[in-house]
Protein backbone atom coordinates (compact mmCIF):
# COMPACT_ATOMS: atom_id res chain seq x y z
CA UNK A 1 91.00 -83.88 73.63
CA UNK A 2 87.29 -85.16 73.28
CA UNK A 3 85.19 -84.85 76.62
CA UNK A 4 83.90 -87.57 78.03
CA UNK A 5 80.58 -88.88 78.64
CA UNK A 6 78.82 -85.64 76.19
CA UNK A 7 77.46 -85.95 73.11
CA UNK A 8 78.74 -84.60 71.08
CA UNK A 9 78.34 -82.96 67.18
CA UNK A 10 80.54 -83.57 64.12
CA UNK A 11 82.84 -80.62 63.44
CA UNK A 12 81.80 -77.44 61.05
CA UNK A 13 84.92 -78.62 58.95
CA UNK A 14 82.86 -82.27 57.95
CA UNK A 15 80.39 -80.14 56.39
CA UNK A 16 83.20 -78.13 54.74
CA UNK A 17 84.66 -81.01 53.41
CA UNK A 18 81.42 -82.37 52.22
CA UNK A 19 80.54 -79.53 50.61
CA UNK A 20 83.93 -79.02 48.79
CA UNK A 21 83.61 -82.75 47.51
CA UNK A 22 80.21 -81.43 46.16
CA UNK A 23 81.56 -78.52 44.01
CA UNK A 24 84.46 -81.29 43.16
CA UNK A 25 82.31 -83.37 41.71
CA UNK A 26 80.47 -80.93 39.28
CA UNK A 27 83.17 -78.83 38.53
CA UNK A 28 84.24 -82.54 37.54
CA UNK A 29 81.27 -83.64 35.92
CA UNK A 30 80.58 -80.56 33.39
CA UNK A 31 84.57 -79.81 32.97
CA UNK A 32 84.09 -81.85 29.56
CA UNK A 33 81.20 -78.98 28.51
CA UNK A 34 84.24 -76.35 28.32
CA UNK A 35 85.58 -77.33 24.90
CA UNK A 36 82.55 -75.88 23.75
CA UNK A 37 83.43 -72.42 25.52
CA UNK A 38 83.81 -70.92 29.03
CA UNK A 39 80.20 -68.94 28.72
CA UNK A 40 77.91 -72.26 28.36
CA UNK A 41 80.15 -74.00 30.98
CA UNK A 42 79.81 -71.36 33.34
CA UNK A 43 75.68 -71.65 31.98
CA UNK A 44 76.31 -74.95 32.53
CA UNK A 45 78.07 -74.99 35.86
CA UNK A 46 75.76 -72.74 37.39
CA UNK A 47 72.38 -74.66 36.34
CA UNK A 48 73.94 -77.99 38.09
CA UNK A 49 74.96 -76.18 41.06
CA UNK A 50 71.31 -74.11 41.07
CA UNK A 51 69.02 -77.10 40.55
CA UNK A 52 71.26 -80.01 41.72
CA UNK A 53 74.59 -78.87 44.21
CA UNK A 54 72.08 -76.28 46.50
CA UNK A 55 69.52 -79.21 47.30
CA UNK A 56 71.95 -81.34 48.36
CA UNK A 57 74.01 -78.79 50.23
CA UNK A 58 71.05 -78.45 52.16
CA UNK A 59 70.54 -82.38 52.80
CA UNK A 60 74.13 -82.51 53.90
CA UNK A 61 73.48 -79.58 56.59
CA UNK A 62 70.78 -81.12 57.71
CA UNK A 63 72.28 -84.55 58.04
CA UNK A 64 75.40 -83.17 59.48
CA UNK A 65 73.49 -81.67 62.12
CA UNK A 66 71.88 -84.99 63.01
CA UNK A 67 74.82 -87.08 63.71
CA UNK A 68 76.49 -86.84 66.93
CA UNK A 69 78.56 -89.03 69.20
CA UNK A 70 78.75 -89.58 72.68
CA UNK A 71 82.31 -91.32 74.40
CA UNK A 72 82.02 -93.07 77.28
CA UNK A 73 85.05 -94.70 79.30
CA UNK A 74 83.98 -98.47 77.77
CA UNK A 75 82.38 -97.63 74.42
CA UNK A 76 81.09 -95.11 71.94
CA UNK A 77 77.77 -94.56 70.87
CA UNK A 78 76.87 -92.83 67.39
CA UNK A 79 73.92 -91.85 66.40
CA UNK A 80 72.06 -90.91 63.00
CA UNK A 81 69.50 -89.97 61.46
CA UNK A 82 66.20 -87.48 60.05
CA UNK A 83 63.49 -88.96 60.18
CA UNK A 84 64.59 -92.83 61.01
CA UNK A 85 67.31 -92.66 64.48
CA UNK A 86 69.69 -94.45 64.68
CA UNK A 87 71.81 -95.28 67.49
CA UNK A 88 75.16 -97.89 67.61
CA UNK A 89 76.90 -98.29 70.52
CA UNK A 90 80.10 -100.12 70.21
CA UNK A 91 82.17 -101.78 73.16
CA UNK A 92 85.69 -101.04 73.01
CA UNK A 93 86.24 -104.61 74.21
CA UNK A 94 84.29 -105.58 70.73
CA UNK A 95 86.54 -103.78 68.43
CA UNK A 96 88.65 -105.33 66.01
CA UNK A 97 90.41 -102.43 63.73
CA UNK A 98 90.23 -98.72 63.76
CA UNK A 99 91.38 -96.77 60.51
CA UNK A 100 91.46 -93.10 60.01
CA UNK A 101 91.46 -92.04 56.56
CA UNK A 102 92.26 -88.49 55.17
CA UNK A 103 92.48 -87.70 51.30
CA UNK A 104 93.09 -84.49 50.20
CA UNK A 105 90.08 -82.68 50.61
CA UNK A 106 89.88 -83.85 54.02
CA UNK A 107 93.18 -82.53 54.29
CA UNK A 108 92.14 -79.51 52.72
CA UNK A 109 89.56 -79.32 55.09
CA UNK A 110 91.45 -80.21 58.38
CA UNK A 111 89.13 -83.41 59.11
CA UNK A 112 89.71 -87.18 59.09
CA UNK A 113 87.51 -90.53 58.87
CA UNK A 114 87.44 -92.90 61.79
CA UNK A 115 86.25 -96.12 60.73
CA UNK A 116 86.00 -98.46 63.48
CA UNK A 117 84.94 -101.98 62.80
CA UNK A 118 83.92 -105.08 65.12
CA UNK A 119 84.42 -108.94 64.42
CA UNK A 120 80.01 -108.38 64.66
CA UNK A 121 78.77 -111.41 62.11
CA UNK A 122 77.00 -109.02 59.75
CA UNK A 123 80.90 -108.06 58.73
CA UNK A 124 80.96 -111.33 56.47
CA UNK A 125 77.46 -111.53 55.95
CA UNK A 126 76.14 -108.75 55.89
CA UNK A 127 72.37 -109.99 56.59
CA UNK A 128 72.26 -110.12 60.24
CA UNK A 129 72.84 -106.55 60.51
CA UNK A 130 71.26 -105.57 57.10
CA UNK A 131 74.11 -103.28 57.02
CA UNK A 132 76.26 -104.21 53.83
CA UNK A 133 78.81 -106.52 53.85
CA UNK A 134 82.86 -104.95 54.46
CA UNK A 135 81.10 -101.68 55.76
CA UNK A 136 82.79 -100.32 58.76
CA UNK A 137 80.12 -100.70 62.91
CA UNK A 138 80.59 -97.05 63.01
CA UNK A 139 82.29 -94.14 61.20
CA UNK A 140 82.89 -90.54 61.88
CA UNK A 141 84.89 -87.04 60.08
CA UNK A 142 86.70 -85.55 62.64
CA UNK A 143 89.11 -83.38 63.08
CA UNK A 144 92.45 -84.81 62.74
CA UNK A 145 93.62 -84.52 66.04
CA UNK A 146 90.18 -85.36 67.61
CA UNK A 147 89.84 -88.64 65.54
CA UNK A 148 93.72 -89.22 66.44
CA UNK A 149 93.02 -88.50 70.07
CA UNK A 150 89.99 -90.64 69.99
CA UNK A 151 91.81 -94.04 68.10
CA UNK A 152 94.30 -93.74 71.02
CA UNK A 153 91.67 -93.44 73.82
CA UNK A 154 89.86 -96.58 72.45
CA UNK A 155 92.72 -98.95 72.05
CA UNK A 156 94.27 -97.67 75.61
CA UNK A 157 90.94 -98.56 76.40
CA UNK A 158 89.99 -101.22 74.87
CA UNK A 159 90.46 -104.91 77.89
């Protein structure tokens, strides 16, 4: 259960998921090199991990600790941003759909992605709020139990 009227950061397992996804991508990217030999592959993997993976992992950590959300009786506020802060408040009565997605790596980390959709004009046109068309109005990586609780809470208070 999520505490109401309290600003909450993302769970540490969502950062773990982003790290797992990064390592998986680097493994996938370097897998053709294994044909030239295990030693060469290990050198390439280590180089990419050090020069690309670690800086990306640091950015992931900084980004992770600058995302928070606040659940209230009638709305949810999602705060994001490092240099440029963005706060989005979504009233429950304007929510049209809530999706919960859980892939294999998310299952491994014990999290789910919850996407909140409204009927805002930007959803179709993409120019009113400068977001991409088809992008959810709110998106969070939460523990699976919290994501399910939040979906049920919003749907029960959507009047």
